[in-house]
């Protein structure tokens, strides 16, 4: 009995930094060497405003070849069925313009203005990626997580 309790305490007392929790669930490839430290620092000041206010983190999914469907490639990289990934434009996702600075950072990182938002809903969490395709390198952008109020979805 005491061993079980000690194991429980050990598991529950290990603190993981908020941005590290995201990388444990959906790991990123190593960030490219050319990535400016100034952008990494800039991203640290932005948070996704939900019940949990999680930080944005930079992610990179490397590919040496040009992919025809970014959603399919992304699905393989994060190991989530493509049918479970919701893809939106930035205009639909951020219709009020609250995250325009983050979108501009992703445009800068990817050298394109063709940015997509990908969402995966798991229980009460919404995992979110804002990504652009950087030619001959892969998908690059930011990742965060938010809380979903399931009572409003279920009508309770």
Protein backbone atom coordinates (compact mmCIF):
# COMPACT_ATOMS: atom_id res chain seq x y z
CA UNK A 1 0.00 0.00 0.00
CA UNK A 2 2.77 2.42 0.92
CA UNK A 3 4.64 1.72 -2.36
CA UNK A 4 1.52 2.48 -4.38
CA UNK A 5 1.02 5.76 -2.55
CA UNK A 6 4.68 6.74 -3.02
CA UNK A 7 4.44 5.94 -6.73
CA UNK A 8 1.32 8.10 -6.96
CA UNK A 9 3.06 10.99 -5.19
CA UNK A 10 6.08 10.68 -7.45
CA UNK A 11 3.95 10.82 -10.62
CA UNK A 12 1.83 13.75 -9.46
CA UNK A 13 4.65 15.83 -8.05
CA UNK A 14 6.72 15.98 -11.25
CA UNK A 15 6.17 19.48 -12.57
CA UNK A 16 6.47 20.00 -16.31
CA UNK A 17 6.78 23.51 -17.70
CA UNK A 18 3.59 24.52 -19.57
CA UNK A 19 5.24 24.70 -23.00
CA UNK A 20 6.98 21.35 -22.42
CA UNK A 21 3.60 19.63 -21.84
CA UNK A 22 2.68 20.37 -25.43
CA UNK A 23 5.90 18.95 -26.81
CA UNK A 24 5.49 15.74 -24.81
CA UNK A 25 2.08 15.07 -26.40
CA UNK A 26 2.92 16.30 -29.92
CA UNK A 27 6.70 16.44 -30.39
CA UNK A 28 8.27 18.75 -32.95
CA UNK A 29 11.35 18.07 -35.02
CA UNK A 30 14.45 19.99 -33.95
CA UNK A 31 14.15 23.68 -34.70
CA UNK A 32 16.27 24.82 -37.66
CA UNK A 33 19.62 26.49 -36.98
CA UNK A 34 18.68 29.59 -38.96
CA UNK A 35 15.82 30.42 -36.55
CA UNK A 36 16.58 33.85 -35.02
CA UNK A 37 16.72 33.99 -31.23
CA UNK A 38 14.77 37.26 -31.40
CA UNK A 39 11.73 35.45 -32.84
CA UNK A 40 11.96 32.68 -30.24
CA UNK A 41 11.98 35.32 -27.50
CA UNK A 42 9.17 37.30 -29.14
CA UNK A 43 6.86 34.25 -29.27
CA UNK A 44 7.33 33.70 -25.52
CA UNK A 45 5.34 36.86 -24.82
CA UNK A 46 2.15 35.59 -26.52
CA UNK A 47 -0.55 33.44 -24.93
CA UNK A 48 -3.66 31.77 -26.32
CA UNK A 49 -6.49 33.28 -24.28
CA UNK A 50 -8.79 30.54 -22.97
CA UNK A 51 -9.54 29.23 -19.50
CA UNK A 52 -5.92 28.06 -19.19
CA UNK A 53 -4.01 30.86 -21.06
CA UNK A 54 -1.30 28.64 -22.54
CA UNK A 55 1.84 30.03 -24.23
CA UNK A 56 2.59 29.68 -27.93
CA UNK A 57 5.70 27.67 -28.78
CA UNK A 58 7.58 27.40 -32.06
CA UNK A 59 7.36 24.03 -33.83
CA UNK A 60 8.92 22.60 -36.97
CA UNK A 61 7.99 19.50 -38.98
CA UNK A 62 10.79 18.76 -41.42
CA UNK A 63 10.34 17.44 -44.95
CA UNK A 64 13.03 17.29 -47.62
CA UNK A 65 10.45 17.13 -50.43
CA UNK A 66 7.56 19.36 -51.43
CA UNK A 67 4.37 17.87 -49.98
CA UNK A 68 1.17 17.95 -52.04
CA UNK A 69 -1.16 18.06 -49.07
CA UNK A 70 0.13 19.77 -45.95
CA UNK A 71 -2.70 18.39 -43.80
CA UNK A 72 -1.78 14.80 -44.74
CA UNK A 73 1.90 15.46 -44.01
CA UNK A 74 1.03 17.16 -40.71
CA UNK A 75 -1.23 14.24 -39.74
CA UNK A 76 1.65 11.80 -40.23
CA UNK A 77 4.03 13.98 -38.22
CA UNK A 78 1.80 14.35 -35.14
CA UNK A 79 0.40 10.79 -35.45
CA UNK A 80 -3.26 11.87 -35.47
CA UNK A 81 -5.73 10.61 -38.12
CA UNK A 82 -6.28 13.25 -40.79
CA UNK A 83 -10.03 13.02 -40.21
CA UNK A 84 -9.50 14.22 -36.60
CA UNK A 85 -7.73 17.40 -37.72
CA UNK A 86 -9.79 20.53 -38.37
CA UNK A 87 -8.18 22.90 -40.89
CA UNK A 88 -9.17 26.57 -41.03
CA UNK A 89 -7.92 29.76 -42.60
CA UNK A 90 -6.47 32.42 -40.32
CA UNK A 91 -9.36 34.72 -41.25
CA UNK A 92 -11.95 32.24 -39.98
CA UNK A 93 -10.01 31.23 -36.86
CA UNK A 94 -9.06 34.80 -35.88
CA UNK A 95 -12.02 36.75 -37.23
CA UNK A 96 -11.57 39.48 -34.57
CA UNK A 97 -7.84 39.95 -35.25
CA UNK A 98 -6.73 39.06 -31.71
CA UNK A 99 -3.78 36.98 -32.92
CA UNK A 100 -2.60 39.01 -35.91
CA UNK A 101 0.88 39.37 -34.37
CA UNK A 102 1.26 35.59 -34.03
CA UNK A 103 0.06 35.10 -37.62
CA UNK A 104 2.64 37.66 -38.81
CA UNK A 105 5.38 35.81 -36.91
CA UNK A 106 4.39 32.56 -38.67
CA UNK A 107 4.41 34.37 -42.03
CA UNK A 108 7.91 35.59 -41.23
CA UNK A 109 9.10 32.14 -40.15
CA UNK A 110 7.69 30.40 -43.22
CA UNK A 111 8.39 33.12 -45.80
CA UNK A 112 4.79 32.87 -47.04
CA UNK A 113 1.41 34.39 -46.36
CA UNK A 114 -0.33 31.05 -46.97
CA UNK A 115 -0.87 30.16 -43.33
CA UNK A 116 -3.28 27.49 -42.06
CA UNK A 117 -4.70 26.77 -38.64
CA UNK A 118 -4.99 23.13 -37.58
CA UNK A 119 -6.99 22.00 -34.55
CA UNK A 120 -7.28 18.68 -32.76
CA UNK A 121 -9.97 18.32 -30.09
CA UNK A 122 -9.28 15.79 -27.33
CA UNK A 123 -11.70 15.66 -24.41
CA UNK A 124 -11.74 19.20 -22.97
CA UNK A 125 -8.60 20.36 -24.77
CA UNK A 126 -8.13 22.05 -28.12
CA UNK A 127 -4.63 21.63 -29.53
CA UNK A 128 -3.86 24.34 -32.04
CA UNK A 129 -1.16 24.86 -34.67
CA UNK A 130 -0.67 27.89 -36.90
CA UNK A 131 1.65 26.73 -39.67
CA UNK A 132 3.11 27.75 -43.00
CA UNK A 133 5.14 25.75 -45.51
CA UNK A 134 8.74 26.90 -45.79
CA UNK A 135 10.01 25.76 -49.21
CA UNK A 136 12.33 22.75 -49.19
CA UNK A 137 12.23 22.58 -45.39
CA UNK A 138 8.78 21.74 -44.02
CA UNK A 139 5.98 23.14 -41.90
CA UNK A 140 6.95 25.78 -39.37
CA UNK A 141 4.89 27.89 -37.01
CA UNK A 142 3.50 27.89 -33.50
CA UNK A 143 1.56 25.47 -31.31
CA UNK A 144 -0.56 25.94 -28.21
CA UNK A 145 -3.44 24.44 -26.31
CA UNK A 146 -6.73 25.76 -25.00
CA UNK A 147 -9.55 24.51 -22.83
CA UNK A 148 -12.97 23.84 -24.29
CA UNK A 149 -16.09 24.41 -22.24
CA UNK A 150 -17.90 21.14 -22.99
CA UNK A 151 -21.08 22.23 -21.18
CA UNK A 152 -21.79 24.80 -23.89
CA UNK A 153 -21.17 22.17 -26.56
CA UNK A 154 -23.42 19.60 -24.90
CA UNK A 155 -26.11 22.10 -24.00
CA UNK A 156 -25.89 21.45 -20.25
